[in-house]
Structure formats: C-alpha cells, structure tokens
C-alpha atoms as a PDB file:
ATOM      1  CA  MET A   1      -3.764 -29.285  -3.286  1.00  0.00           C
ATOM      2  CA  GLN A   2      -3.567 -29.312   0.609  1.00  0.00           C
ATOM      3  CA  ALA A   3      -3.768 -25.918   2.302  1.00  0.00           C
ATOM      4  CA  GLN A   4      -0.863 -24.836   4.328  1.00  0.00           C
ATOM      5  CA  LEU A   5      -1.572 -21.301   5.474  1.00  0.00           C
ATOM      6  CA  ILE A   6      -4.404 -18.748   6.007  1.00  0.00           C
ATOM      7  CA  ALA A   7      -3.075 -15.193   5.162  1.00  0.00           C
ATOM      8  CA  LEU A   8      -5.046 -11.958   5.900  1.00  0.00           C
ATOM      9  CA  ASP A   9      -4.359  -8.466   4.449  1.00  0.00           C
ATOM     10  CA  TRP A  10      -6.473  -6.557   6.970  1.00  0.00           C
ATOM     11  CA  GLY A  11      -6.408  -2.703   6.328  1.00  0.00           C
ATOM     12  CA  THR A  12      -8.482   0.303   7.248  1.00  0.00           C
ATOM     13  CA  THR A  13     -11.399  -0.326   4.836  1.00  0.00           C
ATOM     14  CA  SER A  14     -11.020  -3.651   3.621  1.00  0.00           C
ATOM     15  CA  LEU A  15     -10.156  -7.329   4.612  1.00  0.00           C
ATOM     16  CA  ARG A  16      -8.686  -9.835   1.999  1.00  0.00           C
ATOM     17  CA  ALA A  17      -8.212 -13.607   3.042  1.00  0.00           C
ATOM     18  CA  TYR A  18      -6.185 -16.207   1.220  1.00  0.00           C
ATOM     19  CA  MET A  19      -5.983 -19.792   1.610  1.00  0.00           C
ATOM     20  CA  LEU A  20      -2.330 -20.688   0.408  1.00  0.00           C
ATOM     21  CA  GLY A  21      -1.050 -24.119  -0.436  1.00  0.00           C
ATOM     22  CA  SER A  22       2.582 -25.144  -1.229  1.00  0.00           C
ATOM     23  CA  HIS A  23       5.016 -22.486  -1.963  1.00  0.00           C
ATOM     24  CA  GLY A  24       2.406 -19.911  -1.214  1.00  0.00           C
ATOM     25  CA  GLN A  25       0.033 -20.715  -4.232  1.00  0.00           C
ATOM     26  CA  VAL A  26      -3.450 -18.968  -3.850  1.00  0.00           C
ATOM     27  CA  LEU A  27      -5.971 -21.675  -3.506  1.00  0.00           C
ATOM     28  CA  GLU A  28      -8.921 -19.622  -2.513  1.00  0.00           C
ATOM     29  CA  GLN A  29      -9.305 -15.801  -1.757  1.00  0.00           C
ATOM     30  CA  ARG A  30     -11.911 -13.608  -0.507  1.00  0.00           C
ATOM     31  CA  ALA A  31     -12.563  -9.691  -0.130  1.00  0.00           C
ATOM     32  CA  LEU A  32     -14.733  -8.080   2.626  1.00  0.00           C
ATOM     33  CA  SER A  33     -15.391  -4.697   3.309  1.00  0.00           C
ATOM     34  CA  TYR A  34     -14.680  -5.158   7.226  1.00  0.00           C
ATOM     35  CA  GLY A  35     -11.654  -2.999   7.546  1.00  0.00           C
ATOM     36  CA  ILE A  36     -10.776  -2.147  11.035  1.00  0.00           C
ATOM     37  CA  MET A  37     -12.881   0.960  11.024  1.00  0.00           C
ATOM     38  CA  GLN A  38     -16.001  -0.701   9.749  1.00  0.00           C
ATOM     39  CA  LEU A  39     -16.218  -4.076  11.413  1.00  0.00           C
ATOM     40  CA  PRO A  40     -19.397  -6.088  11.796  1.00  0.00           C
ATOM     41  CA  THR A  41     -21.789  -4.831  14.747  1.00  0.00           C
ATOM     42  CA  PRO A  42     -21.986  -7.121  17.789  1.00  0.00           C
ATOM     43  CA  PRO A  43     -23.373  -9.040  19.214  1.00  0.00           C
ATOM     44  CA  ARG A  44     -23.726 -11.833  16.533  1.00  0.00           C
ATOM     45  CA  PRO A  45     -23.469 -15.617  16.668  1.00  0.00           C
ATOM     46  CA  ILE A  46     -20.485 -17.605  15.940  1.00  0.00           C
ATOM     47  CA  SER A  47     -20.873 -21.456  15.885  1.00  0.00           C
ATOM     48  CA  GLY A  48     -24.077 -20.807  17.903  1.00  0.00           C
ATOM     49  CA  ALA A  49     -22.465 -18.584  20.594  1.00  0.00           C
ATOM     50  CA  LEU A  50     -22.901 -14.656  20.653  1.00  0.00           C
ATOM     51  CA  ALA A  51     -19.732 -12.903  20.027  1.00  0.00           C
ATOM     52  CA  ASP A  52     -19.288  -9.176  21.169  1.00  0.00           C
ATOM     53  CA  ASN A  53     -16.114  -8.476  19.470  1.00  0.00           C
ATOM     54  CA  GLY A  54     -16.439  -6.921  15.819  1.00  0.00           C
ATOM     55  CA  PHE A  55     -12.850  -8.322  15.037  1.00  0.00           C
ATOM     56  CA  GLU A  56     -14.012 -11.903  16.172  1.00  0.00           C
ATOM     57  CA  LEU A  57     -16.821 -11.424  13.881  1.00  0.00           C
ATOM     58  CA  ALA A  58     -15.031 -10.373  10.798  1.00  0.00           C
ATOM     59  CA  PHE A  59     -12.326 -12.976  11.236  1.00  0.00           C
ATOM     60  CA  ASP A  60     -14.995 -15.565  11.345  1.00  0.00           C
ATOM     61  CA  GLU A  61     -16.621 -14.362   8.167  1.00  0.00           C
ATOM     62  CA  ALA A  62     -13.404 -14.241   6.388  1.00  0.00           C
ATOM     63  CA  CYS A  63     -12.050 -17.655   7.261  1.00  0.00           C
ATOM     64  CA  GLY A  64     -14.050 -19.395   9.993  1.00  0.00           C
ATOM     65  CA  ASP A  65     -15.318 -22.057   7.621  1.00  0.00           C
ATOM     66  CA  TRP A  66     -11.691 -22.790   6.268  1.00  0.00           C
ATOM     67  CA  LEU A  67     -10.632 -23.259  10.021  1.00  0.00           C
ATOM     68  CA  ARG A  68     -13.453 -25.602  10.898  1.00  0.00           C
ATOM     69  CA  ALA A  69     -12.716 -27.814   7.911  1.00  0.00           C
ATOM     70  CA  GLN A  70      -8.778 -27.650   8.864  1.00  0.00           C
ATOM     71  CA  PRO A  71      -8.567 -26.311  12.305  1.00  0.00           C
ATOM     72  CA  THR A  72      -4.647 -26.687  12.666  1.00  0.00           C
ATOM     73  CA  LEU A  73      -3.675 -24.256   9.656  1.00  0.00           C
ATOM     74  CA  PRO A  74      -1.639 -21.468  10.957  1.00  0.00           C
ATOM     75  CA  VAL A  75      -3.056 -17.976  10.382  1.00  0.00           C
ATOM     76  CA  ILE A  76      -1.083 -14.629   9.552  1.00  0.00           C
ATOM     77  CA  ALA A  77      -2.415 -11.057   9.179  1.00  0.00           C
ATOM     78  CA  CYS A  78      -0.670  -7.757   8.177  1.00  0.00           C
ATOM     79  CA  GLY A  79      -1.996  -4.221   7.918  1.00  0.00           C
ATOM     80  CA  MET A  80      -3.938  -2.057  10.201  1.00  0.00           C
ATOM     81  CA  VAL A  81      -5.206  -4.940  12.296  1.00  0.00           C
ATOM     82  CA  GLY A  82      -1.929  -4.584  14.180  1.00  0.00           C
ATOM     83  CA  SER A  83      -2.174  -0.841  14.905  1.00  0.00           C
ATOM     84  CA  ALA A  84      -3.327   1.065  17.856  1.00  0.00           C
ATOM     85  CA  GLN A  85      -6.868   0.977  16.616  1.00  0.00           C
ATOM     86  CA  GLY A  86      -6.576  -2.681  15.489  1.00  0.00           C
ATOM     87  CA  TRP A  87      -7.202  -5.940  17.279  1.00  0.00           C
ATOM     88  CA  VAL A  88      -3.840  -5.978  18.935  1.00  0.00           C
ATOM     89  CA  GLN A  89      -0.966  -3.765  18.692  1.00  0.00           C
ATOM     90  CA  ALA A  90       2.018  -5.018  17.020  1.00  0.00           C
ATOM     91  CA  PRO A  91       4.853  -2.622  17.739  1.00  0.00           C
ATOM     92  CA  TYR A  92       6.907  -1.140  14.844  1.00  0.00           C
ATOM     93  CA  CYS A  93      10.345  -2.755  13.847  1.00  0.00           C
ATOM     94  CA  PRO A  94      13.154   0.051  13.133  1.00  0.00           C
ATOM     95  CA  THR A  95      14.768   0.240   9.909  1.00  0.00           C
ATOM     96  CA  PRO A  96      16.798  -1.483   8.529  1.00  0.00           C
ATOM     97  CA  ALA A  97      14.385  -4.373   8.426  1.00  0.00           C
ATOM     98  CA  ARG A  98      14.522  -7.886   7.049  1.00  0.00           C
ATOM     99  CA  VAL A  99      12.054 -10.583   6.748  1.00  0.00           C
ATOM    100  CA  ALA A 100      13.548 -12.371   9.784  1.00  0.00           C
ATOM    101  CA  ASP A 101      13.122  -9.265  11.933  1.00  0.00           C
ATOM    102  CA  LEU A 102       9.394  -9.108  11.080  1.00  0.00           C
ATOM    103  CA  GLY A 103       8.899 -12.674  11.228  1.00  0.00           C
ATOM    104  CA  ALA A 104      10.580 -12.729  14.927  1.00  0.00           C
ATOM    105  CA  ALA A 105       8.576  -9.685  15.983  1.00  0.00           C
ATOM    106  CA  MET A 106       4.910 -10.943  15.326  1.00  0.00           C
ATOM    107  CA  VAL A 107       2.305 -10.364  18.081  1.00  0.00           C
ATOM    108  CA  ARG A 108      -0.211 -13.186  18.893  1.00  0.00           C
ATOM    109  CA  VAL A 109      -3.876 -13.033  19.389  1.00  0.00           C
ATOM    110  CA  ARG A 110      -5.808 -15.995  20.664  1.00  0.00           C
ATOM    111  CA  THR A 111      -9.458 -16.087  19.331  1.00  0.00           C
ATOM    112  CA  ARG A 112     -12.500 -17.488  20.985  1.00  0.00           C
ATOM    113  CA  SER A 113     -12.304 -20.395  18.845  1.00  0.00           C
ATOM    114  CA  GLY A 114      -8.823 -21.354  19.986  1.00  0.00           C
ATOM    115  CA  VAL A 115      -7.129 -20.167  16.766  1.00  0.00           C
ATOM    116  CA  THR A 116      -3.741 -18.215  17.275  1.00  0.00           C
ATOM    117  CA  LEU A 117      -3.608 -15.185  14.763  1.00  0.00           C
ATOM    118  CA  HIS A 118      -0.024 -13.959  14.078  1.00  0.00           C
ATOM    119  CA  VAL A 119       0.069 -10.290  13.362  1.00  0.00           C
ATOM    120  CA  VAL A 120       2.901  -8.637  11.482  1.00  0.00           C
ATOM    121  CA  PRO A 121       4.437  -5.491  12.791  1.00  0.00           C
ATOM    122  CA  GLY A 122       4.808  -2.410  10.875  1.00  0.00           C
ATOM    123  CA  ILE A 123       8.195  -0.486  10.311  1.00  0.00           C
ATOM    124  CA  VAL A 124       9.429   2.871  11.803  1.00  0.00           C
ATOM    125  CA  GLN A 125      12.225   4.975  10.522  1.00  0.00           C
ATOM    126  CA  ASN A 126      13.569   7.003  13.312  1.00  0.00           C
ATOM    127  CA  SER A 127      14.718  10.258  12.092  1.00  0.00           C
ATOM    128  CA  ALA A 128      14.278  13.876  12.468  1.00  0.00           C
ATOM    129  CA  LEU A 129      10.968  13.343  10.971  1.00  0.00           C
ATOM    130  CA  PRO A 130       9.873   9.880  11.791  1.00  0.00           C
ATOM    131  CA  ASN A 131       8.129   7.793   9.200  1.00  0.00           C
ATOM    132  CA  VAL A 132       6.080   4.693   9.596  1.00  0.00           C
ATOM    133  CA  MET A 133       4.251   2.055   7.303  1.00  0.00           C
ATOM    134  CA  ARG A 134       1.985  -0.792   8.246  1.00  0.00           C
ATOM    135  CA  GLY A 135       1.154  -3.329   5.554  1.00  0.00           C
ATOM    136  CA  GLU A 136       3.441  -1.892   2.878  1.00  0.00           C
ATOM    137  CA  GLU A 137       6.464  -3.685   4.190  1.00  0.00           C
ATOM    138  CA  THR A 138       4.804  -6.970   3.525  1.00  0.00           C
ATOM    139  CA  GLN A 139       4.255  -6.167  -0.002  1.00  0.00           C
ATOM    140  CA  VAL A 140       7.803  -5.189  -0.456  1.00  0.00           C
ATOM    141  CA  LEU A 141       8.983  -8.398   0.875  1.00  0.00           C
ATOM    142  CA  GLY A 142       6.640 -10.210  -1.092  1.00  0.00           C
ATOM    143  CA  LEU A 143       7.886  -8.516  -4.428  1.00  0.00           C
ATOM    144  CA  LEU A 144      11.575  -9.425  -3.388  1.00  0.00           C
ATOM    145  CA  GLN A 145      10.388 -13.204  -3.011  1.00  0.00           C
ATOM    146  CA  GLY A 146       8.982 -12.906  -6.533  1.00  0.00           C
ATOM    147  CA  LEU A 147      12.257 -11.593  -8.225  1.00  0.00           C
ATOM    148  CA  PRO A 148      14.788 -14.189  -9.634  1.00  0.00           C
ATOM    149  CA  ALA A 149      17.307 -15.319  -6.885  1.00  0.00           C
ATOM    150  CA  ASP A 150      20.361 -13.709  -8.593  1.00  0.00           C
ATOM    151  CA  THR A 151      18.648 -10.233  -8.471  1.00  0.00           C
ATOM    152  CA  ARG A 152      17.153 -10.026  -5.146  1.00  0.00           C
ATOM    153  CA  ASN A 153      20.095  -8.417  -3.476  1.00  0.00           C
ATOM    154  CA  GLU A 154      20.465  -5.675  -5.977  1.00  0.00           C
ATOM    155  CA  PRO A 155      19.449  -2.150  -5.128  1.00  0.00           C
ATOM    156  CA  LEU A 156      15.605  -1.367  -5.670  1.00  0.00           C
ATOM    157  CA  LEU A 157      13.146   1.259  -5.357  1.00  0.00           C
ATOM    158  CA  VAL A 158       9.543   0.361  -4.821  1.00  0.00           C
ATOM    159  CA  GLY A 159       6.685   2.498  -5.313  1.00  0.00           C
ATOM    160  CA  LEU A 160       3.521   2.095  -3.497  1.00  0.00           C
ATOM    161  CA  PRO A 161       0.857   4.603  -4.807  1.00  0.00           C
ATOM    162  CA  GLY A 162      -2.149   5.229  -2.494  1.00  0.00           C
ATOM    163  CA  SER A 163      -3.693   7.733  -0.050  1.00  0.00           C
ATOM    164  CA  HIS A 164      -0.056   7.788   1.465  1.00  0.00           C
ATOM    165  CA  SER A 165       2.155   6.832  -1.260  1.00  0.00           C
ATOM    166  CA  LYS A 166       5.474   5.003   0.065  1.00  0.00           C
ATOM    167  CA  TRP A 167       8.858   4.990  -1.820  1.00  0.00           C
ATOM    168  CA  VAL A 168      10.944   2.277  -0.346  1.00  0.00           C
ATOM    169  CA  ARG A 169      14.868   1.815  -0.930  1.00  0.00           C
ATOM    170  CA  VAL A 170      15.560  -1.739  -0.638  1.00  0.00           C
ATOM    171  CA  VAL A 171      19.302  -2.788  -0.466  1.00  0.00           C
ATOM    172  CA  GLU A 172      20.636  -6.588  -0.204  1.00  0.00           C
ATOM    173  CA  GLY A 173      17.092  -7.610   0.374  1.00  0.00           C
ATOM    174  CA  CYS A 174      16.604  -5.435   3.374  1.00  0.00           C
ATOM    175  CA  ILE A 175      14.110  -2.149   3.765  1.00  0.00           C
ATOM    176  CA  GLN A 176      16.554   0.582   4.314  1.00  0.00           C
ATOM    177  CA  GLN A 177      14.846   3.907   4.018  1.00  0.00           C
ATOM    178  CA  PHE A 178      11.436   5.117   2.934  1.00  0.00           C
ATOM    179  CA  ASP A 179       9.401   8.429   2.180  1.00  0.00           C
ATOM    180  CA  THR A 180       5.766   9.074   2.553  1.00  0.00           C
ATOM    181  CA  PHE A 181       3.743  11.524   0.206  1.00  0.00           C
ATOM    182  CA  MET A 182       0.043  12.151   1.259  1.00  0.00           C
ATOM    183  CA  THR A 183      -0.789  12.534  -2.525  1.00  0.00           C
ATOM    184  CA  GLY A 184      -4.012  10.466  -2.745  1.00  0.00           C
ATOM    185  CA  GLU A 185      -5.427  11.956   0.560  1.00  0.00           C
ATOM    186  CA  LEU A 186      -4.480  15.421  -0.627  1.00  0.00           C
ATOM    187  CA  PHE A 187      -6.304  15.027  -3.773  1.00  0.00           C
ATOM    188  CA  ALA A 188      -9.384  13.452  -2.245  1.00  0.00           C
ATOM    189  CA  ALA A 189      -9.582  16.456   0.264  1.00  0.00           C
ATOM    190  CA  VAL A 190      -8.857  19.280  -2.138  1.00  0.00           C
ATOM    191  CA  SER A 191     -11.471  17.859  -4.520  1.00  0.00           C
ATOM    192  CA  ALA A 192     -14.152  17.291  -1.865  1.00  0.00           C
ATOM    193  CA  HIS A 193     -13.546  20.371   0.473  1.00  0.00           C
ATOM    194  CA  THR A 194     -12.200  23.088  -1.623  1.00  0.00           C
ATOM    195  CA  ILE A 195     -13.418  25.404  -4.318  1.00  0.00           C
ATOM    196  CA  LEU A 196     -11.405  23.348  -6.720  1.00  0.00           C
ATOM    197  CA  GLY A 197     -14.075  20.635  -6.693  1.00  0.00           C
ATOM    198  CA  ARG A 198     -16.983  23.014  -7.444  1.00  0.00           C
ATOM    199  CA  THR A 199     -16.291  22.949 -11.297  1.00  0.00           C
ATOM    200  CA  GLN A 200     -15.232  19.225 -11.510  1.00  0.00           C
ATOM    201  CA  GLU A 201     -17.277  17.150 -13.469  1.00  0.00           C
ATOM    202  CA  LEU A 202     -16.700  13.447 -12.448  1.00  0.00           C
ATOM    203  CA  GLY A 203     -17.581  10.055 -13.787  1.00  0.00           C
ATOM    204  CA  GLY A 204     -16.029  10.281 -17.306  1.00  0.00           C
ATOM    205  CA  PRO A 205     -13.171   8.359 -18.889  1.00  0.00           C
ATOM    206  CA  PHE A 206      -9.643   8.933 -17.916  1.00  0.00           C
ATOM    207  CA  ASP A 207      -8.365  12.107 -19.613  1.00  0.00           C
ATOM    208  CA  GLY A 208      -4.556  11.165 -20.518  1.00  0.00           C
ATOM    209  CA  VAL A 209      -4.095  14.739 -22.043  1.00  0.00           C
ATOM    210  CA  ALA A 210      -5.185  16.612 -19.001  1.00  0.00           C
ATOM    211  CA  PHE A 211      -3.285  14.346 -16.839  1.00  0.00           C
ATOM    212  CA  ASP A 212       0.008  14.746 -18.754  1.00  0.00           C
ATOM    213  CA  ARG A 213      -0.684  18.660 -18.681  1.00  0.00           C
ATOM    214  CA  GLY A 214      -0.759  18.296 -14.902  1.00  0.00           C
ATOM    215  CA  VAL A 215       2.493  16.480 -14.631  1.00  0.00           C
ATOM    216  CA  HIS A 216       4.230  18.601 -17.149  1.00  0.00           C
ATOM    217  CA  THR A 217       2.964  21.771 -15.122  1.00  0.00           C
ATOM    218  CA  ALA A 218       4.533  20.318 -11.963  1.00  0.00           C
ATOM    219  CA  LEU A 219       8.045  19.624 -13.859  1.00  0.00           C
ATOM    220  CA  SER A 220       8.009  23.259 -15.481  1.00  0.00           C
ATOM    221  CA  THR A 221       9.485  26.489 -14.301  1.00  0.00           C
ATOM    222  CA  GLU A 222       5.886  27.320 -13.525  1.00  0.00           C
ATOM    223  CA  GLY A 223       6.066  24.330 -11.189  1.00  0.00           C
ATOM    224  CA  ASP A 224       9.081  25.810  -9.355  1.00  0.00           C
ATOM    225  CA  ILE A 225       6.899  27.739  -7.098  1.00  0.00           C
ATOM    226  CA  GLY A 226       5.436  24.413  -5.568  1.00  0.00           C
ATOM    227  CA  PRO A 227       2.077  22.810  -5.125  1.00  0.00           C
ATOM    228  CA  LEU A 228       0.759  25.277  -2.683  1.00  0.00           C
ATOM    229  CA  SER A 229       0.491  27.816  -5.612  1.00  0.00           C
ATOM    230  CA  THR A 230       0.025  25.560  -8.915  1.00  0.00           C
ATOM    231  CA  LEU A 231      -3.018  23.869  -7.240  1.00  0.00           C
ATOM    232  CA  PHE A 232      -4.926  27.102  -8.025  1.00  0.00           C
ATOM    233  CA  SER A 233      -4.341  26.519 -11.708  1.00  0.00           C
ATOM    234  CA  ALA A 234      -6.875  23.643 -11.553  1.00  0.00           C
ATOM    235  CA  ARG A 235      -9.405  26.665 -11.241  1.00  0.00           C
ATOM    236  CA  THR A 236      -7.928  29.280 -13.231  1.00  0.00           C
ATOM    237  CA  LEU A 237      -7.603  27.240 -16.262  1.00  0.00           C
ATOM    238  CA  GLY A 238     -11.204  26.321 -15.988  1.00  0.00           C
ATOM    239  CA  LEU A 239     -12.151  29.932 -15.558  1.00  0.00           C
ATOM    240  CA  THR A 240     -10.395  31.051 -18.671  1.00  0.00           C
ATOM    241  CA  GLY A 241     -11.698  28.283 -20.793  1.00  0.00           C
ATOM    242  CA  GLN A 242      -8.492  26.441 -21.163  1.00  0.00           C
ATOM    243  CA  LEU A 243      -9.542  23.283 -19.151  1.00  0.00           C
ATOM    244  CA  PRO A 244     -13.239  21.997 -19.229  1.00  0.00           C
ATOM    245  CA  GLY A 245     -14.806  20.648 -16.156  1.00  0.00           C
ATOM    246  CA  SER A 246     -14.446  17.079 -17.274  1.00  0.00           C
ATOM    247  CA  ALA A 247     -10.642  17.458 -17.503  1.00  0.00           C
ATOM    248  CA  GLN A 248     -10.003  19.105 -14.117  1.00  0.00           C
ATOM    249  CA  ALA A 249      -9.796  16.103 -11.945  1.00  0.00           C
ATOM    250  CA  ASP A 250      -7.368  14.268 -13.968  1.00  0.00           C
ATOM    251  CA  TYR A 251      -5.242  17.546 -14.448  1.00  0.00           C
ATOM    252  CA  LEU A 252      -5.248  17.854 -10.645  1.00  0.00           C
ATOM    253  CA  SER A 253      -4.240  14.319 -10.340  1.00  0.00           C
ATOM    254  CA  GLY A 254      -1.335  14.699 -12.722  1.00  0.00           C
ATOM    255  CA  LEU A 255      -0.235  17.895 -11.084  1.00  0.00           C
ATOM    256  CA  LEU A 256      -0.053  16.373  -7.505  1.00  0.00           C
ATOM    257  CA  ILE A 257       1.654  13.304  -8.783  1.00  0.00           C
ATOM    258  CA  GLY A 258       4.065  15.281 -10.814  1.00  0.00           C
ATOM    259  CA  HIS A 259       4.937  17.477  -7.878  1.00  0.00           C
ATOM    260  CA  GLU A 260       5.557  14.246  -5.863  1.00  0.00           C
ATOM    261  CA  LEU A 261       7.693  12.613  -8.329  1.00  0.00           C
ATOM    262  CA  ARG A 262       9.638  15.892  -8.978  1.00  0.00           C
ATOM    263  CA  SER A 263      10.447  16.213  -5.295  1.00  0.00           C
ATOM    264  CA  LEU A 264      11.160  12.378  -5.062  1.00  0.00           C
ATOM    265  CA  GLY A 265      13.575  12.768  -8.093  1.00  0.00           C
ATOM    266  CA  GLU A 266      15.560  15.665  -6.474  1.00  0.00           C
ATOM    267  CA  VAL A 267      15.844  13.962  -3.140  1.00  0.00           C
ATOM    268  CA  LEU A 268      17.067  10.685  -4.780  1.00  0.00           C
ATOM    269  CA  ARG A 269      19.757  12.379  -6.862  1.00  0.00           C
ATOM    270  CA  ALA A 270      21.072  14.182  -3.730  1.00  0.00           C
ATOM    271  CA  ARG A 271      21.092  10.942  -1.765  1.00  0.00           C
ATOM    272  CA  MET A 272      22.738   8.762  -4.535  1.00  0.00           C
ATOM    273  CA  LYS A 273      24.995  11.621  -5.722  1.00  0.00           C
ATOM    274  CA  SER A 274      24.063  10.578  -9.216  1.00  0.00           C
ATOM    275  CA  SER A 275      22.110  12.318 -12.078  1.00  0.00           C
ATOM    276  CA  ARG A 276      20.614   8.811 -12.967  1.00  0.00           C
ATOM    277  CA  LEU A 277      17.374   7.836 -11.361  1.00  0.00           C
ATOM    278  CA  PRO A 278      16.944   4.214 -10.276  1.00  0.00           C
ATOM    279  CA  ASP A 279      14.700   1.667 -11.871  1.00  0.00           C
ATOM    280  CA  VAL A 280      11.204   1.410 -10.006  1.00  0.00           C
ATOM    281  CA  VAL A 281       8.839  -1.475  -9.289  1.00  0.00           C
ATOM    282  CA  LEU A 282       5.231  -0.391  -8.518  1.00  0.00           C
ATOM    283  CA  ILE A 283       2.911  -2.224  -6.233  1.00  0.00           C
ATOM    284  CA  GLY A 284      -0.897  -1.337  -6.090  1.00  0.00           C
ATOM    285  CA  ASN A 285      -4.154  -0.675  -7.831  1.00  0.00           C
ATOM    286  CA  ASP A 286      -3.589  -1.186 -11.616  1.00  0.00           C
ATOM    287  CA  GLN A 287      -5.288   2.080 -12.683  1.00  0.00           C
ATOM    288  CA  LEU A 288      -3.318   4.163 -10.228  1.00  0.00           C
ATOM    289  CA  CYS A 289      -0.167   2.249 -11.068  1.00  0.00           C
ATOM    290  CA  GLU A 290      -0.667   3.117 -14.624  1.00  0.00           C
ATOM    291  CA  ARG A 291      -0.927   6.739 -13.755  1.00  0.00           C
ATOM    292  CA  TYR A 292       2.414   6.657 -11.784  1.00  0.00           C
ATOM    293  CA  ARG A 293       3.879   4.602 -14.547  1.00  0.00           C
ATOM    294  CA  ARG A 294       3.103   7.253 -17.073  1.00  0.00           C
ATOM    295  CA  ALA A 295       4.265  10.194 -14.842  1.00  0.00           C
ATOM    296  CA  LEU A 296       7.435   8.303 -13.880  1.00  0.00           C
ATOM    297  CA  GLN A 297       8.414   8.165 -17.466  1.00  0.00           C
ATOM    298  CA  ALA A 298       7.839  11.851 -17.723  1.00  0.00           C
ATOM    299  CA  CYS A 299      10.049  12.364 -14.874  1.00  0.00           C
ATOM    300  CA  ASP A 300      13.020  10.550 -16.529  1.00  0.00           C
ATOM    301  CA  PHE A 301      12.812   7.489 -14.491  1.00  0.00           C
ATOM    302  CA  PRO A 302      14.537   4.960 -16.686  1.00  0.00           C
ATOM    303  CA  CYS A 303      12.555   1.683 -16.198  1.00  0.00           C
ATOM    304  CA  VAL A 304       9.289   1.011 -14.419  1.00  0.00           C
ATOM    305  CA  ASP A 305       7.589  -2.293 -13.838  1.00  0.00           C
ATOM    306  CA  VAL A 306       4.413  -3.288 -12.083  1.00  0.00           C
ATOM    307  CA  ALA A 307       4.257  -6.213  -9.688  1.00  0.00           C
ATOM    308  CA  ALA A 308       1.419  -8.557  -8.882  1.00  0.00           C
ATOM    309  CA  GLN A 309       0.394 -10.798  -5.960  1.00  0.00           C
ATOM    310  CA  ALA A 310       3.043  -9.150  -3.824  1.00  0.00           C
ATOM    311  CA  THR A 311       0.833  -9.359  -0.614  1.00  0.00           C
ATOM    312  CA  GLU A 312       0.276 -12.961  -0.627  1.00  0.00           C
ATOM    313  CA  ARG A 313       3.966 -13.767  -1.359  1.00  0.00           C
ATOM    314  CA  GLY A 314       4.992 -11.408   1.345  1.00  0.00           C
ATOM    315  CA  LEU A 315       2.640 -13.176   3.900  1.00  0.00           C
ATOM    316  CA  TRP A 316       3.924 -16.537   2.787  1.00  0.00           C
ATOM    317  CA  SER A 317       7.755 -15.499   3.231  1.00  0.00           C
ATOM    318  CA  LEU A 318       6.854 -13.982   6.745  1.00  0.00           C
ATOM    319  CA  ALA A 319       5.043 -17.277   7.807  1.00  0.00           C
ATOM    320  CA  LEU A 320       8.144 -19.177   6.655  1.00  0.00           C
ATOM    321  CA  ALA A 321      10.419 -16.854   8.638  1.00  0.00           C
ATOM    322  CA  ALA A 322       8.454 -17.346  11.621  1.00  0.00           C
ATOM    323  CA  GLY A 323       8.256 -21.194  11.415  1.00  0.00           C
ATOM    324  CA  LEU A 324       4.680 -21.188  10.926  1.00  0.00           C
ATOM    325  CA  THR A 325       4.998 -23.288   7.793  1.00  0.00           C
ATOM    326  CA  GLN A 326       7.427 -24.907   5.509  1.00  0.00           C
END
C-alpha cells in the first residue's frame, strides 16, 4: 500500500512516528526517546551536512529515510512540539473546538531538508481558572473518528489518564469542556519526595486488594476530609501493621485516583443536573487504563470502554481537515 502521510506524536519524553496509508492505516511505526526535553545533542550530520538543531536531528532520525524515499509526503505533528518549549509555538485554539478549527490553525515549520512540518495547536478553556491541553485533543478527535457514524454526535466523556489526567466532554463531535487532575504527577512526587515513600516496597506485582482499599477509602466517610488528610493513612496503616510495604504504593494510587473520580463525579452530577453519571471511554496506557476502569466502576460510572489507536486516527483526521491528504 502506498504511503500518504507521516504523522508524529511528539511529547515531552517521547516521539512516535507513523507512516500512514489509505484511510489512515498504519503501515510502519517507530518509537524514540527524543521528547522535546531530551533531544539529540548537536552538531550531528544529516545527509552529509552538520545540523545544529536538536529538533532537526530528532525529526531526521524519526522519519528522514521515509521522506528521502518519498519526499512529497505531507507531515503532521501533535503534542508538546508545538508548545513554547517546542520546535515552534502553535497557539491554543479556544473551546468549543472541532477538528476543522484545529486543522485550520496549524503552524508550519520548514526543515533544512525542505520539508514542511504542520504542527497541531492545543486547546485552551478560558474560564476563571484557565485550562489547557496539548496532544490530548488529537486523541479525542481520533476516538470520535473510530466511532460508528451514527453515534459520533452523541454526548461522551473521554478520560485520558496520565501525569495530568484529562476529562473531556464532547458534544456533537465538538470538544466543549475539560478538567485536569494532576493525579499522576502528585503520586510520583509524594512517593519520591515525602515520608510516604520511605516504607514503600516497589517492583512487585499489582496489588488489586490494596488498590481497591485506597479507592474505597477515598469514597468513604473517612474520605470526606479530602486527600490532604487521607494521604497520611498510607503511612499510618503501615505503622499499625495493617498495610505491608509491598502494598503501600498501590494503596496510594487507588486513594488518589479515588479522590479524583469522587470529585469528578460530584462536579458532573452538578453540571448535568442528573444523578446518573455518563458513559466513559478511556484512552492511554493499558495498565493505567485498567486501574481507572476498576476505580470508575467502584465510583458508579455505568459503562467504561477503552479505545486504541486514537492518536493515529486523530492525526489522520486533522490532516484531512487541513487538506494535506485525501
């Protein structure tokens, strides 16, 4: 099958490259550790000439040979490559945002080899407490493209677990509103830089019982006081012999995710003026999505699915919207 597009998912810590064929089919893919914060160190040669830009070097390593074989292929990229710390800054699009809005707002970079890289903008929610995302919008749009045509306009809640978990409300194919929870980053910081990490024993298998205990603690009357207080139980349960060191990290994970979902559920019920919580589709790492699926069910979310290949589909749909491919 003939390639029609090169698509890059270029984040803070990693760079994934896809060669896409007709209808966005993945023909070949690569994963590199060259996120925007850990680029190759210049100068290094590209096609016999020294390059002094780390982005150029990472780009060439990711897809240079593909472009040398097919130099007319369009190239698109999403993620932190378009941030203020990236290769070029792609200003945020405001909510509500559709695929056509993002496709029309791409920013272009001309590489030293003469290739034009089209960079997808992120999204900003202008409110009393502004909110932003960059990269997740492409995954959400890709998820929509993967749904049956007769269901794409139905209201949907999309969860993207991670360092900064995003919860995105989609209405009639449009990103209307989203919330961010720094759950993953808080877990990492607390485990590495507070006394809670001193007694954790890492490296063992997932302890589902300990994780569930953490979730249910967040949902209980003891959890009413909030995470700033219940976090300390990860230490005191260990001190009193109720939670071994091998279980403490999974308990802490469940506790933080439980508080996240408890708060999310309360906010959604108030916004929707309904006691019934919406169906959820998760996008992300399989193991992390499984933790969230488990916790969402405990929090009375009625239906939870997990989507695959959302980024590739999103980049393909944005390329179509921008007229880069057909």
